[in-house]
Structures are given as structure tokens and as C-alpha cells.
Amino acid sequence: MLENFKKFNAEAADLDELVEVATFGRQFRAEHEALNVPIPEYVDDNLRVIRREIDARLADKRAARVRELKAQREGLKTASERREAIEKELAALGEPVGV
């Protein structure tokens, strides 16, 4: 597992693999601290990279869900609500309304 942690490619892994490797890295770091053994520099570096990748993927998933919900909400609008929204946008763009 240590070799996997050292050579880990965060971009090629799925979310479960990222969590698994992050867990190993945190445990590895904690054991070094418990034994008062110096922590190798690559440990914190890799943990930062993995955490950033996890955060980015979670943010992407949240953003995709928001887009999906907005699209569903838009689909629930009546024709007159959609027409009104288009007219407001046209007015904001300086186009004459009702033409």
C-alpha cells in the first residue's frame, strides 16, 4: 500500500480509491507521529493533492446536481411563465418587448 501511496495518480483514480488512499496516508502519518518518527515530506504533499482532488470531484458532483435540479424546475414552468422570463431577459438586453 505504501508504494501505491507514493506513486498515486489522483486524476486516474475514482472517488472510492481516492478515499482509500487518503485514509492510508492519514493513518501512516498518525503512526509516524505516535512513534515520534519524522514524517516524510511526500506524505503531506500527497495528502494535499488527494484532498484537493476529492474536494474538486465533490464540487463537480454538487454543481451537476444543481444544474439537473434547475433543468427540472424549468421544465415545470408553464408556457406563460417561460414567455415572461424570455420577455424580461429581452428587456434587460435592450430589445423591445412584444415585437
PDB file of N, CA and C in Angstrom:
ATOM      1  N   MET A   1       0.819  -1.198   0.000  1.00  0.00           N
ATOM      2  CA  MET A   1       0.000   0.000   0.000  1.00  0.00           C
ATOM      3  C   MET A   1       0.866   1.267   0.000  1.00  0.00           C
ATOM      4  N   LEU A   2       2.006   1.195   0.668  1.00  0.00           N
ATOM      5  CA  LEU A   2       2.880   2.367   0.723  1.00  0.00           C
ATOM      6  C   LEU A   2       3.353   2.760  -0.674  1.00  0.00           C
ATOM      7  N   GLU A   3       3.703   1.785  -1.492  1.00  0.00           N
ATOM      8  CA  GLU A   3       4.144   2.095  -2.855  1.00  0.00           C
ATOM      9  C   GLU A   3       3.004   2.742  -3.645  1.00  0.00           C
ATOM     10  N   ASN A   4       1.786   2.259  -3.451  1.00  0.00           N
ATOM     11  CA  ASN A   4       0.634   2.877  -4.114  1.00  0.00           C
ATOM     12  C   ASN A   4       0.468   4.315  -3.669  1.00  0.00           C
ATOM     13  N   PHE A   5       0.666   4.580  -2.391  1.00  0.00           N
ATOM     14  CA  PHE A   5       0.535   5.939  -1.860  1.00  0.00           C
ATOM     15  C   PHE A   5       1.617   6.844  -2.438  1.00  0.00           C
ATOM     16  N   LYS A   6       2.834   6.348  -2.520  1.00  0.00           N
ATOM     17  CA  LYS A   6       3.945   7.161  -3.033  1.00  0.00           C
ATOM     18  C   LYS A   6       3.753   7.527  -4.502  1.00  0.00           C
ATOM     19  N   LYS A   7       3.236   6.584  -5.291  1.00  0.00           N
ATOM     20  CA  LYS A   7       3.153   6.773  -6.744  1.00  0.00           C
ATOM     21  C   LYS A   7       1.721   7.020  -7.210  1.00  0.00           C
ATOM     22  N   PHE A   8       0.869   7.426  -6.319  1.00  0.00           N
ATOM     23  CA  PHE A   8      -0.547   7.525  -6.626  1.00  0.00           C
ATOM     24  C   PHE A   8      -0.844   8.638  -7.613  1.00  0.00           C
ATOM     25  N   ASN A   9      -1.691   8.330  -8.606  1.00  0.00           N
ATOM     26  CA  ASN A   9      -2.127   9.319  -9.596  1.00  0.00           C
ATOM     27  C   ASN A   9      -3.585   9.661  -9.288  1.00  0.00           C
ATOM     28  N   ALA A  10      -3.795  10.783  -8.636  1.00  0.00           N
ATOM     29  CA  ALA A  10      -5.138  11.167  -8.181  1.00  0.00           C
ATOM     30  C   ALA A  10      -6.107  11.362  -9.335  1.00  0.00           C
ATOM     31  N   GLU A  11      -5.640  11.829 -10.467  1.00  0.00           N
ATOM     32  CA  GLU A  11      -6.527  12.101 -11.597  1.00  0.00           C
ATOM     33  C   GLU A  11      -7.049  10.828 -12.239  1.00  0.00           C
ATOM     34  N   ALA A  12      -6.316   9.719 -12.111  1.00  0.00           N
ATOM     35  CA  ALA A  12      -6.717   8.469 -12.756  1.00  0.00           C
ATOM     36  C   ALA A  12      -7.606   7.607 -11.859  1.00  0.00           C
ATOM     37  N   ALA A  13      -7.754   7.975 -10.601  1.00  0.00           N
ATOM     38  CA  ALA A  13      -8.492   7.152  -9.644  1.00  0.00           C
ATOM     39  C   ALA A  13      -9.952   7.579  -9.554  1.00  0.00           C
ATOM     40  N   ASP A  14     -10.791   6.636  -9.130  1.00  0.00           N
ATOM     41  CA  ASP A  14     -12.172   7.017  -8.852  1.00  0.00           C
ATOM     42  C   ASP A  14     -12.268   7.502  -7.404  1.00  0.00           C
ATOM     43  N   LEU A  15     -13.428   7.996  -7.031  1.00  0.00           N
ATOM     44  CA  LEU A  15     -13.596   8.615  -5.717  1.00  0.00           C
ATOM     45  C   LEU A  15     -13.316   7.632  -4.582  1.00  0.00           C
ATOM     46  N   ASP A  16     -13.760   6.393  -4.715  1.00  0.00           N
ATOM     47  CA  ASP A  16     -13.513   5.394  -3.664  1.00  0.00           C
ATOM     48  C   ASP A  16     -12.023   5.133  -3.479  1.00  0.00           C
ATOM     49  N   GLU A  17     -11.282   5.069  -4.572  1.00  0.00           N
ATOM     50  CA  GLU A  17      -9.833   4.872  -4.484  1.00  0.00           C
ATOM     51  C   GLU A  17      -9.166   6.066  -3.820  1.00  0.00           C
ATOM     52  N   LEU A  18      -9.639   7.266  -4.132  1.00  0.00           N
ATOM     53  CA  LEU A  18      -9.090   8.461  -3.504  1.00  0.00           C
ATOM     54  C   LEU A  18      -9.292   8.429  -1.993  1.00  0.00           C
ATOM     55  N   VAL A  19     -10.483   8.044  -1.570  1.00  0.00           N
ATOM     56  CA  VAL A  19     -10.776   7.973  -0.137  1.00  0.00           C
ATOM     57  C   VAL A  19      -9.914   6.901   0.522  1.00  0.00           C
ATOM     58  N   GLU A  20      -9.764   5.778  -0.148  1.00  0.00           N
ATOM     59  CA  GLU A  20      -8.946   4.686   0.405  1.00  0.00           C
ATOM     60  C   GLU A  20      -7.496   5.127   0.602  1.00  0.00           C
ATOM     61  N   VAL A  21      -6.924   5.749  -0.409  1.00  0.00           N
ATOM     62  CA  VAL A  21      -5.529   6.177  -0.324  1.00  0.00           C
ATOM     63  C   VAL A  21      -5.369   7.304   0.693  1.00  0.00           C
ATOM     64  N   ALA A  22      -6.349   8.198   0.766  1.00  0.00           N
ATOM     65  CA  ALA A  22      -6.295   9.268   1.767  1.00  0.00           C
ATOM     66  C   ALA A  22      -6.334   8.687   3.179  1.00  0.00           C
ATOM     67  N   THR A  23      -7.156   7.670   3.369  1.00  0.00           N
ATOM     68  CA  THR A  23      -7.238   7.014   4.674  1.00  0.00           C
ATOM     69  C   THR A  23      -5.900   6.395   5.047  1.00  0.00           C
ATOM     70  N   PHE A  24      -5.291   5.686   4.107  1.00  0.00           N
ATOM     71  CA  PHE A  24      -3.978   5.101   4.368  1.00  0.00           C
ATOM     72  C   PHE A  24      -2.969   6.194   4.716  1.00  0.00           C
ATOM     73  N   GLY A  25      -2.963   7.257   3.949  1.00  0.00           N
ATOM     74  CA  GLY A  25      -1.998   8.337   4.181  1.00  0.00           C
ATOM     75  C   GLY A  25      -2.159   8.966   5.553  1.00  0.00           C
ATOM     76  N   ARG A  26      -3.409   9.188   5.961  1.00  0.00           N
ATOM     77  CA  ARG A  26      -3.636   9.773   7.288  1.00  0.00           C
ATOM     78  C   ARG A  26      -3.204   8.816   8.401  1.00  0.00           C
ATOM     79  N   GLN A  27      -3.483   7.535   8.224  1.00  0.00           N
ATOM     80  CA  GLN A  27      -3.067   6.548   9.222  1.00  0.00           C
ATOM     81  C   GLN A  27      -1.545   6.437   9.265  1.00  0.00           C
ATOM     82  N   PHE A  28      -0.924   6.456   8.118  1.00  0.00           N
ATOM     83  CA  PHE A  28       0.533   6.388   8.017  1.00  0.00           C
ATOM     84  C   PHE A  28       1.163   7.586   8.733  1.00  0.00           C
ATOM     85  N   ARG A  29       0.596   8.759   8.492  1.00  0.00           N
ATOM     86  CA  ARG A  29       1.084   9.979   9.137  1.00  0.00           C
ATOM     87  C   ARG A  29       0.887   9.913  10.651  1.00  0.00           C
ATOM     88  N   ALA A  30      -0.290   9.467  11.092  1.00  0.00           N
ATOM     89  CA  ALA A  30      -0.590   9.380  12.526  1.00  0.00           C
ATOM     90  C   ALA A  30       0.342   8.399  13.229  1.00  0.00           C
ATOM     91  N   GLU A  31       0.664   7.300  12.590  1.00  0.00           N
ATOM     92  CA  GLU A  31       1.570   6.322  13.202  1.00  0.00           C
ATOM     93  C   GLU A  31       2.975   6.890  13.331  1.00  0.00           C
ATOM     94  N   HIS A  32       3.413   7.644  12.333  1.00  0.00           N
ATOM     95  CA  HIS A  32       4.719   8.315  12.443  1.00  0.00           C
ATOM     96  C   HIS A  32       4.728   9.264  13.644  1.00  0.00           C
ATOM     97  N   GLU A  33       3.645  10.034  13.790  1.00  0.00           N
ATOM     98  CA  GLU A  33       3.555  10.957  14.916  1.00  0.00           C
ATOM     99  C   GLU A  33       3.554  10.210  16.247  1.00  0.00           C
ATOM    100  N   ALA A  34       2.796   9.120  16.322  1.00  0.00           N
ATOM    101  CA  ALA A  34       2.698   8.347  17.564  1.00  0.00           C
ATOM    102  C   ALA A  34       4.045   7.757  17.971  1.00  0.00           C
ATOM    103  N   LEU A  35       4.850   7.397  16.988  1.00  0.00           N
ATOM    104  CA  LEU A  35       6.161   6.802  17.266  1.00  0.00           C
ATOM    105  C   LEU A  35       7.278   7.837  17.319  1.00  0.00           C
ATOM    106  N   ASN A  36       6.921   9.105  17.159  1.00  0.00           N
ATOM    107  CA  ASN A  36       7.906  10.194  17.115  1.00  0.00           C
ATOM    108  C   ASN A  36       8.964   9.969  16.038  1.00  0.00           C
ATOM    109  N   VAL A  37       8.491   9.479  14.887  1.00  0.00           N
ATOM    110  CA  VAL A  37       9.355   9.260  13.732  1.00  0.00           C
ATOM    111  C   VAL A  37       9.103  10.413  12.765  1.00  0.00           C
ATOM    112  N   PRO A  38      10.156  10.987  12.191  1.00  0.00           N
ATOM    113  CA  PRO A  38       9.943  12.088  11.237  1.00  0.00           C
ATOM    114  C   PRO A  38       9.014  11.662  10.094  1.00  0.00           C
ATOM    115  N   ILE A  39       8.117  12.556   9.743  1.00  0.00           N
ATOM    116  CA  ILE A  39       7.155  12.284   8.681  1.00  0.00           C
ATOM    117  C   ILE A  39       7.787  12.666   7.349  1.00  0.00           C
ATOM    118  N   PRO A  40       7.853  11.722   6.413  1.00  0.00           N
ATOM    119  CA  PRO A  40       8.423  12.053   5.099  1.00  0.00           C
ATOM    120  C   PRO A  40       7.629  13.183   4.428  1.00  0.00           C
ATOM    121  N   GLU A  41       8.326  14.020   3.708  1.00  0.00           N
ATOM    122  CA  GLU A  41       7.700  15.184   3.067  1.00  0.00           C
ATOM    123  C   GLU A  41       6.617  14.790   2.068  1.00  0.00           C
ATOM    124  N   TYR A  42       6.819  13.669   1.389  1.00  0.00           N
ATOM    125  CA  TYR A  42       5.845  13.255   0.380  1.00  0.00           C
ATOM    126  C   TYR A  42       4.476  12.936   0.986  1.00  0.00           C
ATOM    127  N   VAL A  43       4.428  12.605   2.271  1.00  0.00           N
ATOM    128  CA  VAL A  43       3.156  12.244   2.891  1.00  0.00           C
ATOM    129  C   VAL A  43       2.199  13.437   2.870  1.00  0.00           C
ATOM    130  N   ASP A  44       2.625  14.561   3.402  1.00  0.00           N
ATOM    131  CA  ASP A  44       1.755  15.742   3.416  1.00  0.00           C
ATOM    132  C   ASP A  44       1.476  16.255   2.008  1.00  0.00           C
ATOM    133  N   ASP A  45       2.470  16.181   1.140  1.00  0.00           N
ATOM    134  CA  ASP A  45       2.271  16.610  -0.249  1.00  0.00           C
ATOM    135  C   ASP A  45       1.190  15.765  -0.924  1.00  0.00           C
ATOM    136  N   ASN A  46       1.304  14.455  -0.796  1.00  0.00           N
ATOM    137  CA  ASN A  46       0.315  13.565  -1.422  1.00  0.00           C
ATOM    138  C   ASN A  46      -1.063  13.742  -0.802  1.00  0.00           C
ATOM    139  N   LEU A  47      -1.124  13.901   0.507  1.00  0.00           N
ATOM    140  CA  LEU A  47      -2.421  14.098   1.157  1.00  0.00           C
ATOM    141  C   LEU A  47      -3.101  15.378   0.670  1.00  0.00           C
ATOM    142  N   ARG A  48      -2.324  16.441   0.468  1.00  0.00           N
ATOM    143  CA  ARG A  48      -2.886  17.691  -0.055  1.00  0.00           C
ATOM    144  C   ARG A  48      -3.442  17.493  -1.464  1.00  0.00           C
ATOM    145  N   VAL A  49      -2.689  16.814  -2.317  1.00  0.00           N
ATOM    146  CA  VAL A  49      -3.126  16.569  -3.701  1.00  0.00           C
ATOM    147  C   VAL A  49      -4.404  15.733  -3.709  1.00  0.00           C
ATOM    148  N   ILE A  50      -4.424  14.695  -2.895  1.00  0.00           N
ATOM    149  CA  ILE A  50      -5.589  13.812  -2.844  1.00  0.00           C
ATOM    150  C   ILE A  50      -6.805  14.572  -2.322  1.00  0.00           C
ATOM    151  N   ARG A  51      -6.630  15.358  -1.269  1.00  0.00           N
ATOM    152  CA  ARG A  51      -7.741  16.120  -0.697  1.00  0.00           C
ATOM    153  C   ARG A  51      -8.290  17.124  -1.713  1.00  0.00           C
ATOM    154  N   ARG A  52      -7.403  17.791  -2.443  1.00  0.00           N
ATOM    155  CA  ARG A  52      -7.856  18.746  -3.468  1.00  0.00           C
ATOM    156  C   ARG A  52      -8.668  18.037  -4.546  1.00  0.00           C
ATOM    157  N   GLU A  53      -8.204  16.855  -4.949  1.00  0.00           N
ATOM    158  CA  GLU A  53      -8.915  16.100  -5.979  1.00  0.00           C
ATOM    159  C   GLU A  53     -10.286  15.652  -5.476  1.00  0.00           C
ATOM    160  N   ILE A  54     -10.349  15.184  -4.231  1.00  0.00           N
ATOM    161  CA  ILE A  54     -11.636  14.780  -3.655  1.00  0.00           C
ATOM    162  C   ILE A  54     -12.574  15.978  -3.594  1.00  0.00           C
ATOM    163  N   ASP A  55     -12.077  17.101  -3.096  1.00  0.00           N
ATOM    164  CA  ASP A  55     -12.902  18.312  -2.998  1.00  0.00           C
ATOM    165  C   ASP A  55     -13.401  18.762  -4.371  1.00  0.00           C
ATOM    166  N   ALA A  56     -12.526  18.709  -5.376  1.00  0.00           N
ATOM    167  CA  ALA A  56     -12.905  19.129  -6.728  1.00  0.00           C
ATOM    168  C   ALA A  56     -13.987  18.216  -7.293  1.00  0.00           C
ATOM    169  N   ARG A  57     -13.837  16.927  -7.081  1.00  0.00           N
ATOM    170  CA  ARG A  57     -14.838  15.993  -7.611  1.00  0.00           C
ATOM    171  C   ARG A  57     -16.179  16.153  -6.908  1.00  0.00           C
ATOM    172  N   LEU A  58     -16.146  16.368  -5.603  1.00  0.00           N
ATOM    173  CA  LEU A  58     -17.398  16.577  -4.882  1.00  0.00           C
ATOM    174  C   LEU A  58     -18.076  17.868  -5.331  1.00  0.00           C
ATOM    175  N   ALA A  59     -17.282  18.910  -5.557  1.00  0.00           N
ATOM    176  CA  ALA A  59     -17.835  20.174  -6.048  1.00  0.00           C
ATOM    177  C   ALA A  59     -18.445  19.987  -7.436  1.00  0.00           C
ATOM    178  N   ASP A  60     -17.780  19.206  -8.292  1.00  0.00           N
ATOM    179  CA  ASP A  60     -18.325  18.923  -9.627  1.00  0.00           C
ATOM    180  C   ASP A  60     -19.648  18.179  -9.531  1.00  0.00           C
ATOM    181  N   LYS A  61     -19.719  17.208  -8.621  1.00  0.00           N
ATOM    182  CA  LYS A  61     -20.967  16.447  -8.450  1.00  0.00           C
ATOM    183  C   LYS A  61     -22.087  17.348  -7.954  1.00  0.00           C
ATOM    184  N   ARG A  62     -21.780  18.228  -6.993  1.00  0.00           N
ATOM    185  CA  ARG A  62     -22.788  19.166  -6.487  1.00  0.00           C
ATOM    186  C   ARG A  62     -23.266  20.090  -7.600  1.00  0.00           C
ATOM    187  N   ALA A  63     -22.341  20.621  -8.385  1.00  0.00           N
ATOM    188  CA  ALA A  63     -22.701  21.537  -9.471  1.00  0.00           C
ATOM    189  C   ALA A  63     -23.569  20.827 -10.515  1.00  0.00           C
ATOM    190  N   ALA A  64     -23.231  19.583 -10.823  1.00  0.00           N
ATOM    191  CA  ALA A  64     -24.036  18.826 -11.782  1.00  0.00           C
ATOM    192  C   ALA A  64     -25.447  18.601 -11.246  1.00  0.00           C
ATOM    193  N   ARG A  65     -25.555  18.322  -9.970  1.00  0.00           N
ATOM    194  CA  ARG A  65     -26.883  18.111  -9.371  1.00  0.00           C
ATOM    195  C   ARG A  65     -27.688  19.406  -9.384  1.00  0.00           C
ATOM    196  N   VAL A  66     -27.050  20.534  -9.115  1.00  0.00           N
ATOM    197  CA  VAL A  66     -27.740  21.828  -9.146  1.00  0.00           C
ATOM    198  C   VAL A  66     -28.262  22.099 -10.560  1.00  0.00           C
ATOM    199  N   ARG A  67     -27.426  21.850 -11.568  1.00  0.00           N
ATOM    200  CA  ARG A  67     -27.869  22.047 -12.961  1.00  0.00           C
ATOM    201  C   ARG A  67     -29.059  21.140 -13.287  1.00  0.00           C
ATOM    202  N   GLU A  68     -28.992  19.899 -12.818  1.00  0.00           N
ATOM    203  CA  GLU A  68     -30.080  18.952 -13.059  1.00  0.00           C
ATOM    204  C   GLU A  68     -31.377  19.427 -12.406  1.00  0.00           C
ATOM    205  N   LEU A  69     -31.292  19.892 -11.179  1.00  0.00           N
ATOM    206  CA  LEU A  69     -32.486  20.366 -10.477  1.00  0.00           C
ATOM    207  C   LEU A  69     -33.057  21.623 -11.122  1.00  0.00           C
ATOM    208  N   LYS A  70     -32.183  22.525 -11.562  1.00  0.00           N
ATOM    209  CA  LYS A  70     -32.651  23.738 -12.239  1.00  0.00           C
ATOM    210  C   LYS A  70     -33.353  23.387 -13.548  1.00  0.00           C
ATOM    211  N   ALA A  71     -32.821  22.420 -14.266  1.00  0.00           N
ATOM    212  CA  ALA A  71     -33.456  21.995 -15.511  1.00  0.00           C
ATOM    213  C   ALA A  71     -34.822  21.384 -15.236  1.00  0.00           C
ATOM    214  N   GLN A  72     -34.920  20.592 -14.179  1.00  0.00           N
ATOM    215  CA  GLN A  72     -36.210  20.015 -13.801  1.00  0.00           C
ATOM    216  C   GLN A  72     -37.200  21.114 -13.424  1.00  0.00           C
ATOM    217  N   ARG A  73     -36.717  22.088 -12.663  1.00  0.00           N
ATOM    218  CA  ARG A  73     -37.575  23.202 -12.248  1.00  0.00           C
ATOM    219  C   ARG A  73     -38.059  23.985 -13.465  1.00  0.00           C
ATOM    220  N   GLU A  74     -37.167  24.222 -14.408  1.00  0.00           N
ATOM    221  CA  GLU A  74     -37.524  24.944 -15.628  1.00  0.00           C
ATOM    222  C   GLU A  74     -38.595  24.186 -16.413  1.00  0.00           C
ATOM    223  N   GLY A  75     -38.492  22.869 -16.415  1.00  0.00           N
ATOM    224  CA  GLY A  75     -39.469  22.052 -17.121  1.00  0.00           C
ATOM    225  C   GLY A  75     -40.851  22.093 -16.489  1.00  0.00           C
ATOM    226  N   LEU A  76     -40.930  22.510 -15.247  1.00  0.00           N
ATOM    227  CA  LEU A  76     -42.218  22.586 -14.562  1.00  0.00           C
ATOM    228  C   LEU A  76     -42.945  23.904 -14.808  1.00  0.00           C
ATOM    229  N   LYS A  77     -42.269  24.875 -15.413  1.00  0.00           N
ATOM    230  CA  LYS A  77     -42.882  26.176 -15.658  1.00  0.00           C
ATOM    231  C   LYS A  77     -43.955  26.071 -16.737  1.00  0.00           C
ATOM    232  N   THR A  78     -44.945  26.903 -16.591  1.00  0.00           N
ATOM    233  CA  THR A  78     -45.989  26.967 -17.617  1.00  0.00           C
ATOM    234  C   THR A  78     -45.455  27.766 -18.799  1.00  0.00           C
ATOM    235  N   ALA A  79     -46.185  27.716 -19.898  1.00  0.00           N
ATOM    236  CA  ALA A  79     -45.785  28.461 -21.095  1.00  0.00           C
ATOM    237  C   ALA A  79     -45.752  29.958 -20.813  1.00  0.00           C
ATOM    238  N   SER A  80     -46.737  30.454 -20.060  1.00  0.00           N
ATOM    239  CA  SER A  80     -46.758  31.895 -19.778  1.00  0.00           C
ATOM    240  C   SER A  80     -45.584  32.293 -18.879  1.00  0.00           C
ATOM    241  N   GLU A  81     -45.181  31.437 -17.960  1.00  0.00           N
ATOM    242  CA  GLU A  81     -44.017  31.741 -17.108  1.00  0.00           C
ATOM    243  C   GLU A  81     -42.743  31.775 -17.944  1.00  0.00           C
ATOM    244  N   ARG A  82     -42.615  30.848 -18.875  1.00  0.00           N
ATOM    245  CA  ARG A  82     -41.432  30.835 -19.749  1.00  0.00           C
ATOM    246  C   ARG A  82     -41.417  32.065 -20.648  1.00  0.00           C
ATOM    247  N   ARG A  83     -42.583  32.437 -21.185  1.00  0.00           N
ATOM    248  CA  ARG A  83     -42.693  33.618 -22.047  1.00  0.00           C
ATOM    249  C   ARG A  83     -42.313  34.877 -21.257  1.00  0.00           C
ATOM    250  N   GLU A  84     -42.798  34.987 -20.053  1.00  0.00           N
ATOM    251  CA  GLU A  84     -42.492  36.152 -19.206  1.00  0.00           C
ATOM    252  C   GLU A  84     -40.990  36.235 -18.920  1.00  0.00           C
ATOM    253  N   ALA A  85     -40.363  35.101 -18.638  1.00  0.00           N
ATOM    254  CA  ALA A  85     -38.918  35.089 -18.373  1.00  0.00           C
ATOM    255  C   ALA A  85     -38.138  35.526 -19.603  1.00  0.00           C
ATOM    256  N   ILE A  86     -38.575  35.084 -20.785  1.00  0.00           N
ATOM    257  CA  ILE A  86     -37.908  35.475 -22.028  1.00  0.00           C
ATOM    258  C   ILE A  86     -38.079  36.967 -22.276  1.00  0.00           C
ATOM    259  N   GLU A  87     -39.270  37.491 -22.047  1.00  0.00           N
ATOM    260  CA  GLU A  87     -39.514  38.919 -22.239  1.00  0.00           C
ATOM    261  C   GLU A  87     -38.680  39.759 -21.278  1.00  0.00           C
ATOM    262  N   LYS A  88     -38.542  39.332 -20.042  1.00  0.00           N
ATOM    263  CA  LYS A  88     -37.696  40.053 -19.076  1.00  0.00           C
ATOM    264  C   LYS A  88     -36.244  40.059 -19.535  1.00  0.00           C
ATOM    265  N   GLU A  89     -35.777  38.929 -20.023  1.00  0.00           N
ATOM    266  CA  GLU A  89     -34.391  38.857 -20.486  1.00  0.00           C
ATOM    267  C   GLU A  89     -34.177  39.727 -21.708  1.00  0.00           C
ATOM    268  N   LEU A  90     -35.141  39.717 -22.640  1.00  0.00           N
ATOM    269  CA  LEU A  90     -35.045  40.585 -23.813  1.00  0.00           C
ATOM    270  C   LEU A  90     -35.031  42.060 -23.408  1.00  0.00           C
ATOM    271  N   ALA A  91     -35.866  42.418 -22.443  1.00  0.00           N
ATOM    272  CA  ALA A  91     -35.903  43.797 -21.968  1.00  0.00           C
ATOM    273  C   ALA A  91     -34.570  44.190 -21.335  1.00  0.00           C
ATOM    274  N   ALA A  92     -33.987  43.273 -20.601  1.00  0.00           N
ATOM    275  CA  ALA A  92     -32.689  43.539 -19.961  1.00  0.00           C
ATOM    276  C   ALA A  92     -31.588  43.719 -21.024  1.00  0.00           C
ATOM    277  N   LEU A  93     -31.779  43.086 -22.165  1.00  0.00           N
ATOM    278  CA  LEU A  93     -30.812  43.205 -23.256  1.00  0.00           C
ATOM    279  C   LEU A  93     -31.087  44.406 -24.156  1.00  0.00           C
ATOM    280  N   GLY A  94     -32.149  45.133 -23.852  1.00  0.00           N
ATOM    281  CA  GLY A  94     -32.471  46.350 -24.611  1.00  0.00           C
ATOM    282  C   GLY A  94     -33.321  46.103 -25.829  1.00  0.00           C
ATOM    283  N   GLU A  95     -33.901  44.948 -25.956  1.00  0.00           N
ATOM    284  CA  GLU A  95     -34.773  44.660 -27.086  1.00  0.00           C
ATOM    285  C   GLU A  95     -36.209  45.053 -26.749  1.00  0.00           C
ATOM    286  N   PRO A  96     -36.937  45.535 -27.741  1.00  0.00           N
ATOM    287  CA  PRO A  96     -38.342  45.890 -27.490  1.00  0.00           C
ATOM    288  C   PRO A  96     -39.152  44.627 -27.163  1.00  0.00           C
ATOM    289  N   VAL A  97     -40.028  44.771 -26.180  1.00  0.00           N
ATOM    290  CA  VAL A  97     -40.829  43.627 -25.740  1.00  0.00           C
ATOM    291  C   VAL A  97     -42.092  43.557 -26.611  1.00  0.00           C
ATOM    292  N   GLY A  98     -42.494  42.324 -26.951  1.00  0.00           N
ATOM    293  CA  GLY A  98     -43.719  42.107 -27.716  1.00  0.00           C
ATOM    294  C   GLY A  98     -43.562  42.252 -29.204  1.00  0.00           C
ATOM    295  N   VAL A  99     -42.337  42.357 -29.702  1.00  0.00           N
ATOM    296  CA  VAL A  99     -42.115  42.511 -31.148  1.00  0.00           C
ATOM    297  C   VAL A  99     -41.834  41.176 -31.769  1.00  0.00           C
TER     298      VAL A  99
END
